[in-house]
Protein backbone atom coordinates (compact mmCIF):
# COMPACT_ATOMS: atom_id res chain seq x y z
CA MET A 1 2.63 -7.52 -20.66
CA PRO A 2 -0.81 -6.44 -21.62
CA GLY A 3 -3.11 -4.08 -20.05
CA ILE A 4 -4.14 -4.42 -16.21
CA THR A 5 -7.86 -5.83 -17.31
CA THR A 6 -9.10 -8.28 -19.85
CA THR A 7 -12.32 -9.16 -21.38
CA LEU A 8 -13.74 -12.43 -20.78
CA PRO A 9 -17.32 -14.54 -21.75
CA VAL A 10 -19.70 -14.36 -18.83
CA GLU A 11 -23.11 -16.03 -18.50
CA LYS A 12 -25.06 -13.35 -16.59
CA PHE A 13 -28.29 -14.66 -14.47
CA LYS A 14 -30.55 -11.97 -13.53
CA ASP A 15 -34.18 -12.09 -12.94
CA GLY A 16 -34.48 -15.73 -13.71
CA ARG A 17 -32.88 -15.13 -17.02
CA VAL A 18 -29.35 -15.97 -18.38
CA ILE A 19 -27.70 -13.69 -20.69
CA THR A 20 -24.51 -14.38 -22.76
CA ALA A 21 -22.36 -11.46 -22.36
CA THR A 22 -18.72 -10.28 -21.72
CA ASP A 23 -17.13 -9.00 -18.47
CA GLU A 24 -14.10 -6.83 -17.92
CA VAL A 25 -12.00 -8.89 -15.61
CA VAL A 26 -8.60 -7.60 -13.63
CA ARG A 27 -5.25 -9.41 -14.39
CA GLU A 28 -3.34 -11.21 -11.82
CA VAL A 29 0.22 -11.65 -12.73
CA PRO A 30 3.50 -13.35 -10.80
CA VAL A 31 6.33 -10.52 -10.93
CA THR A 32 9.88 -11.93 -9.63
CA ILE A 33 12.62 -9.53 -8.16
CA PHE A 34 16.26 -10.45 -8.64
CA LEU A 35 18.25 -8.62 -6.22
CA ASN A 36 21.98 -7.89 -6.96
CA ASP A 37 21.43 -10.93 -9.61
CA GLU A 38 19.85 -13.00 -6.92
CA GLU A 39 16.37 -14.20 -6.99
CA LEU A 40 14.52 -12.54 -4.21
CA VAL A 41 10.74 -12.82 -4.32
CA THR A 42 8.01 -13.41 -6.58
CA LEU A 43 5.08 -11.32 -5.94
CA VAL A 44 1.50 -11.46 -7.20
CA CYS A 45 0.18 -8.22 -8.68
CA SER A 46 -1.46 -6.13 -11.10
CA PRO A 47 0.81 -5.67 -14.19
CA ASP A 48 1.54 -2.13 -14.05
CA GLN A 49 3.80 0.39 -12.28
CA LEU A 50 6.29 -2.45 -11.63
CA GLU A 51 9.25 -0.20 -10.96
CA GLU A 52 7.43 1.64 -8.13
CA LEU A 53 6.31 -1.64 -6.82
CA ALA A 54 9.77 -3.35 -6.67
CA VAL A 55 11.45 -0.08 -5.03
CA GLY A 56 8.37 -0.13 -2.76
CA PHE A 57 8.53 -3.61 -1.54
CA LEU A 58 12.48 -3.30 -1.09
CA CYS A 59 12.07 -0.12 1.12
CA ALA A 60 9.16 -1.75 3.15
CA GLU A 61 11.30 -4.71 3.92
CA ASN A 62 13.81 -2.28 5.17
CA ILE A 63 16.62 -3.43 2.39
CA LEU A 64 16.34 0.24 0.58
CA HIS A 65 17.07 3.31 2.81
CA ARG A 66 18.50 6.12 0.83
CA ARG A 67 18.10 7.12 -2.82
CA GLU A 68 21.91 6.60 -3.37
CA ASP A 69 21.42 2.76 -2.11
CA LEU A 70 19.59 2.26 -5.76
CA LYS A 71 22.05 1.65 -8.38
CA GLY A 72 19.90 0.37 -11.07
CA ILE A 73 16.69 -1.23 -11.66
CA THR A 74 15.56 -3.23 -15.10
CA VAL A 75 11.93 -4.12 -15.86
CA ASN A 76 11.20 -7.04 -18.10
CA ARG A 77 7.34 -6.48 -18.35
CA GLU A 78 6.52 -9.17 -20.82
CA ASP A 79 8.33 -11.92 -18.54
CA GLY A 80 7.28 -10.16 -15.12
CA LEU A 81 11.17 -9.86 -14.11
CA ILE A 82 12.74 -7.20 -12.43
CA TRP A 83 16.11 -6.94 -11.76
CA VAL A 84 17.55 -4.77 -8.70
CA GLU A 85 20.98 -3.10 -8.18
CA THR A 86 21.72 -1.96 -4.69
CA ALA A 87 24.90 -0.46 -3.03
CA GLY A 88 24.22 -2.56 0.21
CA PRO A 89 24.39 -6.37 0.64
CA SER A 90 21.43 -8.66 -0.25
CA PRO A 91 19.69 -10.14 2.83
CA GLN A 92 20.32 -13.56 3.93
CA ARG A 93 17.52 -15.52 1.57
CA GLN A 94 16.77 -18.01 4.35
CA THR A 95 15.93 -15.53 7.10
CA PHE A 96 14.38 -13.08 4.66
CA MET A 97 11.89 -15.85 3.07
CA LYS A 98 10.87 -17.32 6.09
CA ARG A 99 9.70 -13.60 7.45
CA TYR A 100 8.03 -13.06 4.18
CA LEU A 101 6.25 -16.13 3.95
CA THR A 102 4.88 -15.98 7.34
CA THR A 103 3.87 -12.29 6.98
CA CYS A 104 2.02 -12.76 3.53
CA CYS A 105 0.41 -16.18 3.99
CA GLY A 106 -0.63 -16.27 7.35
CA ARG A 107 1.57 -19.06 8.95
CA GLY A 108 1.64 -17.84 12.34
CA ARG A 109 4.19 -15.18 12.57
CA SER A 110 4.21 -14.31 16.35
CA SER A 111 3.35 -10.65 17.39
CA PHE A 112 6.32 -9.87 18.84
CA TYR A 113 8.02 -9.67 15.57
CA PHE A 114 5.73 -7.25 14.35
CA VAL A 115 6.22 -5.22 17.52
CA ASN A 116 10.14 -5.18 16.84
CA ASP A 117 9.49 -4.01 13.55
CA ALA A 118 7.60 -1.23 15.02
CA ARG A 119 10.16 -0.39 17.60
CA SER A 120 12.94 -0.30 15.02
CA ILE A 121 11.26 2.76 13.27
CA PRO A 122 11.73 6.31 14.50
CA PRO A 123 8.39 7.82 15.89
CA VAL A 124 6.49 10.15 13.21
CA ASN A 125 6.98 13.56 14.25
CA SER A 126 4.82 16.03 12.52
CA LYS A 127 2.85 19.09 13.17
CA LEU A 128 0.29 18.51 10.43
CA GLN A 129 -3.46 18.79 11.43
CA ILE A 130 -6.20 18.46 9.07
CA GLU A 131 -10.04 18.83 9.33
CA ALA A 132 -12.18 15.73 9.75
CA VAL A 133 -14.47 16.64 6.75
CA ARG A 134 -11.16 17.16 4.55
CA LEU A 135 -10.13 13.32 5.37
CA LEU A 136 -13.50 12.39 4.34
CA ASP A 137 -13.56 14.42 1.32
CA LEU A 138 -9.91 12.60 0.40
CA GLU A 139 -11.58 9.38 0.71
CA ARG A 140 -14.35 10.27 -1.68
CA GLN A 141 -11.66 11.49 -3.99
CA LEU A 142 -9.93 8.26 -3.54
CA GLU A 143 -12.97 6.57 -4.63
CA ALA A 144 -13.57 8.65 -7.60
CA SER A 145 -9.96 7.79 -8.91
CA ALA A 146 -10.45 4.13 -8.57
CA ALA A 147 -11.31 3.46 -12.17
CA THR A 148 -9.99 -0.12 -12.52
CA PHE A 149 -12.08 -1.05 -9.38
CA GLY A 150 -15.18 0.65 -10.88
CA ALA A 151 -14.92 -1.57 -14.21
CA THR A 152 -13.93 -4.56 -12.17
CA GLY A 153 -14.48 -4.62 -8.75
CA GLY A 154 -11.21 -6.19 -8.24
CA THR A 155 -8.52 -3.71 -6.87
CA HIS A 156 -7.53 -2.02 -3.91
CA GLY A 157 -6.34 1.68 -4.25
CA ALA A 158 -3.96 3.84 -2.17
CA ALA A 159 -3.55 7.69 -2.48
CA LEU A 160 -0.69 10.18 -1.22
CA CYS A 161 -2.37 13.10 -0.37
CA SER A 162 -1.59 16.56 0.86
CA SER A 163 -4.63 18.48 2.48
CA ALA A 164 -5.40 19.79 -0.65
CA GLY A 165 -6.02 16.65 -2.47
CA ILE A 166 -4.61 13.72 -4.07
CA LEU A 167 -0.60 13.74 -5.34
CA LEU A 168 -0.17 10.31 -6.30
CA PHE A 169 -2.68 7.41 -6.85
CA TYR A 170 -2.11 3.56 -7.39
CA GLU A 171 -4.54 0.56 -7.77
CA ASP A 172 -3.51 -3.26 -7.52
CA ILE A 173 -5.37 -6.44 -6.75
CA GLY A 174 -3.13 -6.53 -3.45
CA ARG A 175 -3.59 -3.86 -1.02
CA HIS A 176 -0.04 -4.17 0.22
CA ASN A 177 1.15 -3.57 -3.45
CA ALA A 178 -1.01 -0.57 -3.85
CA VAL A 179 1.18 0.99 -0.77
CA ASP A 180 4.23 -0.29 -1.96
CA LYS A 181 3.91 1.48 -5.23
CA ILE A 182 3.40 4.94 -3.39
CA PHE A 183 6.50 4.01 -1.16
CA GLY A 184 8.58 3.34 -4.42
CA ARG A 185 7.40 6.38 -6.33
CA CYS A 186 8.07 8.56 -3.29
CA PHE A 187 11.56 7.13 -2.83
CA LEU A 188 12.49 7.35 -6.37
CA ASP A 189 11.12 11.03 -6.57
CA GLY A 190 12.48 12.05 -2.95
CA LEU A 191 8.95 13.27 -1.69
CA ALA A 192 8.82 14.83 1.98
CA LEU A 193 6.16 12.91 3.59
CA ASN A 194 6.05 14.26 6.92
CA ASP A 195 2.85 16.38 5.91
CA LYS A 196 1.17 14.00 3.95
CA ILE A 197 -1.86 11.77 4.55
CA LEU A 198 -2.30 8.28 2.98
CA ALA A 199 -5.89 7.74 1.91
CA PHE A 200 -6.61 3.76 1.71
CA SER A 201 -9.33 1.43 0.52
CA GLY A 202 -8.74 -1.64 2.61
CA ARG A 203 -8.30 -3.25 5.99
CA ILE A 204 -5.62 -1.69 8.16
CA SER A 205 -3.28 -4.35 9.44
CA SER A 206 -0.15 -4.33 11.12
CA GLU A 207 1.78 -4.65 7.82
CA ILE A 208 0.14 -1.82 6.08
CA LEU A 209 0.67 0.36 9.60
CA ILE A 210 4.70 -0.54 9.38
CA LYS A 211 4.60 0.52 5.51
CA VAL A 212 3.05 3.69 6.60
CA ALA A 213 5.50 4.05 9.47
CA ARG A 214 8.49 3.58 7.47
CA MET A 215 7.61 6.18 4.90
CA GLY A 216 6.89 8.45 8.02
CA ILE A 217 3.38 9.57 6.98
CA PRO A 218 1.47 10.81 10.17
CA VAL A 219 -2.02 10.33 9.07
CA LEU A 220 -3.78 7.36 7.49
CA VAL A 221 -7.26 7.15 6.31
CA SER A 222 -9.19 4.20 5.32
CA ARG A 223 -12.61 3.04 4.54
CA GLY A 224 -11.77 -0.29 5.92
CA ALA A 225 -11.28 -1.42 9.53
CA PRO A 226 -8.00 -1.78 11.53
CA THR A 227 -6.93 -4.33 13.61
CA ASP A 228 -5.68 -4.08 17.43
CA LEU A 229 -2.34 -4.97 16.39
CA ALA A 230 -2.02 -1.96 13.88
CA LEU A 231 -3.54 0.31 16.16
CA ALA A 232 -0.90 -0.62 18.87
CA MET A 233 1.85 -0.03 16.50
CA ALA A 234 0.25 3.62 15.54
CA ALA A 235 0.27 4.54 19.11
CA GLU A 236 3.71 3.49 19.57
CA THR A 237 4.83 5.04 16.23
CA GLY A 238 2.89 8.28 16.64
CA ILE A 239 0.47 7.74 13.51
CA THR A 240 -3.02 8.87 13.45
CA VAL A 241 -5.22 6.28 11.89
CA ALA A 242 -8.98 6.71 10.93
CA GLY A 243 -11.11 4.10 9.60
CA PHE A 244 -14.69 3.34 8.45
CA ALA A 245 -14.54 6.47 6.68
CA ARG A 246 -17.55 6.57 4.54
CA GLY A 247 -19.84 9.12 3.93
CA ASP A 248 -20.01 11.63 6.65
CA ARG A 249 -18.59 9.74 9.16
CA MET A 250 -15.16 7.68 10.34
CA ASN A 251 -13.66 6.51 13.57
CA VAL A 252 -10.29 7.82 14.75
CA TYR A 253 -8.59 5.42 16.73
CA THR A 254 -5.21 7.15 17.48
CA GLY A 255 -3.64 10.22 17.13
CA ALA A 256 -6.88 12.42 17.44
CA GLN A 257 -4.86 15.40 18.28
CA ARG A 258 -4.13 16.07 14.62
CA ILE A 259 -7.88 15.95 13.63
CA ILE A 260 -9.53 19.22 13.51
CA PHE A 261 -13.39 18.38 14.22
CA GLY A 262 -16.42 20.31 13.70
CA GLY A 263 -17.07 22.98 16.31
CA GLN A 264 -13.26 22.98 17.92
């Protein structure tokens, strides 16, 4: 499987003139996950960090819980195939696919399903406090790290951070995928997350919030906007959410007790 971008011909129109040139374009590929030798799901993603993506997706879907649950993973990058072996049983395909399709394709999954998801997650307990200016700086570091976005404008970014800076960073065409890659690497490495921050580039939806809650990360900051359901879940699970983090401003929607504002 080639790199995550490709170069294609393009006709560029500017100031009334047309110029024949080339443009760097982000690649989009299907990747199929097999769980215990049964086809589970096909994800559309950027073709890199596929091991992290598969593991993070299974963690986010509450299929993987402990490191010892993962018995093995094999990635065929050329064909976009991933085989995962787990200790526990596979989910019932009919139920899983119904949940997955309504979640990802917007076919009217009722909000109470999401609320039940949130209520199945333990509250995030953390003594972390961070200065507001540091959160804004982490967002700036996220943007500076997004080389693929800078070249193509076609990816989202997610970064696991301490108060000192970025620890892990991933880009993907899908904002959900970028967060799953963070989740997967943290799961594989056994990283403690109750004192970490997730910096993000995209909209904070309920699905993104659930992923962050499952990880046990106490603070989520993004340059994008949150949804009302995401904020209701954040309040219920004890997560601090800051949105519209751009330049020297941001909105703190939940968990403001963790943010140290200037003059306090």
